[in-house]
Protein backbone atom coordinates (compact mmCIF):
# COMPACT_ATOMS: atom_id res chain seq x y z
CA UNK A 1 -71.58 90.96 -13.66
CA UNK A 2 -71.13 92.03 -10.27
CA UNK A 3 -74.14 91.70 -8.66
CA UNK A 4 -74.75 95.51 -6.58
CA UNK A 5 -76.14 95.03 -3.30
CA UNK A 6 -79.06 97.24 -3.00
CA UNK A 7 -81.70 97.11 0.30
CA UNK A 8 -84.54 98.74 -1.56
CA UNK A 9 -84.21 96.20 -3.63
CA UNK A 10 -84.15 93.73 -1.25
CA UNK A 11 -87.25 95.47 0.41
CA UNK A 12 -89.16 95.03 -2.51
CA UNK A 13 -88.20 91.33 -2.96
CA UNK A 14 -89.28 90.48 0.22
CA UNK A 15 -92.16 92.59 -0.21
CA UNK A 16 -93.35 90.42 -3.17
CA UNK A 17 -93.09 87.16 -1.19
CA UNK A 18 -95.91 85.13 -0.74
CA UNK A 19 -95.57 81.70 2.10
CA UNK A 20 -99.36 80.75 2.96
CA UNK A 21 -100.50 76.76 2.99
CA UNK A 22 -101.40 76.51 -0.05
CA UNK A 23 -98.73 77.69 -1.90
CA UNK A 24 -94.79 79.74 -1.80
CA UNK A 25 -93.66 82.09 -4.31
CA UNK A 26 -90.37 83.75 -3.79
CA UNK A 27 -89.50 86.58 -5.44
CA UNK A 28 -86.06 87.80 -5.78
CA UNK A 29 -85.46 92.08 -7.49
CA UNK A 30 -81.57 91.95 -8.79
CA UNK A 31 -79.38 94.93 -10.44
CA UNK A 32 -76.25 93.58 -12.23
CA UNK A 33 -73.09 95.72 -12.77
CA UNK A 34 -72.52 95.04 -16.84
CA UNK A 35 -69.19 96.33 -16.72
CA UNK A 36 -66.32 93.73 -16.46
CA UNK A 37 -64.39 92.59 -13.35
CA UNK A 38 -62.06 89.97 -12.55
CA UNK A 39 -62.00 86.46 -13.68
CA UNK A 40 -64.50 87.82 -16.91
CA UNK A 41 -62.17 91.04 -17.35
CA UNK A 42 -58.90 88.61 -17.32
CA UNK A 43 -60.97 85.83 -19.78
CA UNK A 44 -62.34 89.19 -22.40
CA UNK A 45 -58.30 89.85 -22.79
CA UNK A 46 -57.11 86.08 -22.94
CA UNK A 47 -59.72 84.89 -25.54
CA UNK A 48 -59.45 88.80 -27.29
CA UNK A 49 -55.61 88.23 -27.97
CA UNK A 50 -56.37 84.39 -29.37
CA UNK A 51 -55.63 84.60 -32.87
CA UNK A 52 -58.46 83.68 -35.49
CA UNK A 53 -60.90 86.43 -33.23
CA UNK A 54 -60.27 90.09 -34.89
CA UNK A 55 -62.56 90.26 -38.18
CA UNK A 56 -59.50 90.16 -40.90
CA UNK A 57 -58.76 86.22 -39.84
CA UNK A 58 -62.26 85.58 -41.24
CA UNK A 59 -62.91 83.63 -44.22
CA UNK A 60 -65.19 83.57 -46.08
CA UNK A 61 -66.78 80.09 -46.77
């Protein structure tokens, strides 16, 4: 997953955050891409090719 920079979400986060002498509420609204990228994609390909990971490799207990 990759963090997607979005100035509108940053503005919402700033608006929702409150800092008073009594309490401090910090919010952060973020958006992420669900598409695999970089290291995640490499790890997926590596794990997918390991023996015992395909449905045909499963055995009944």
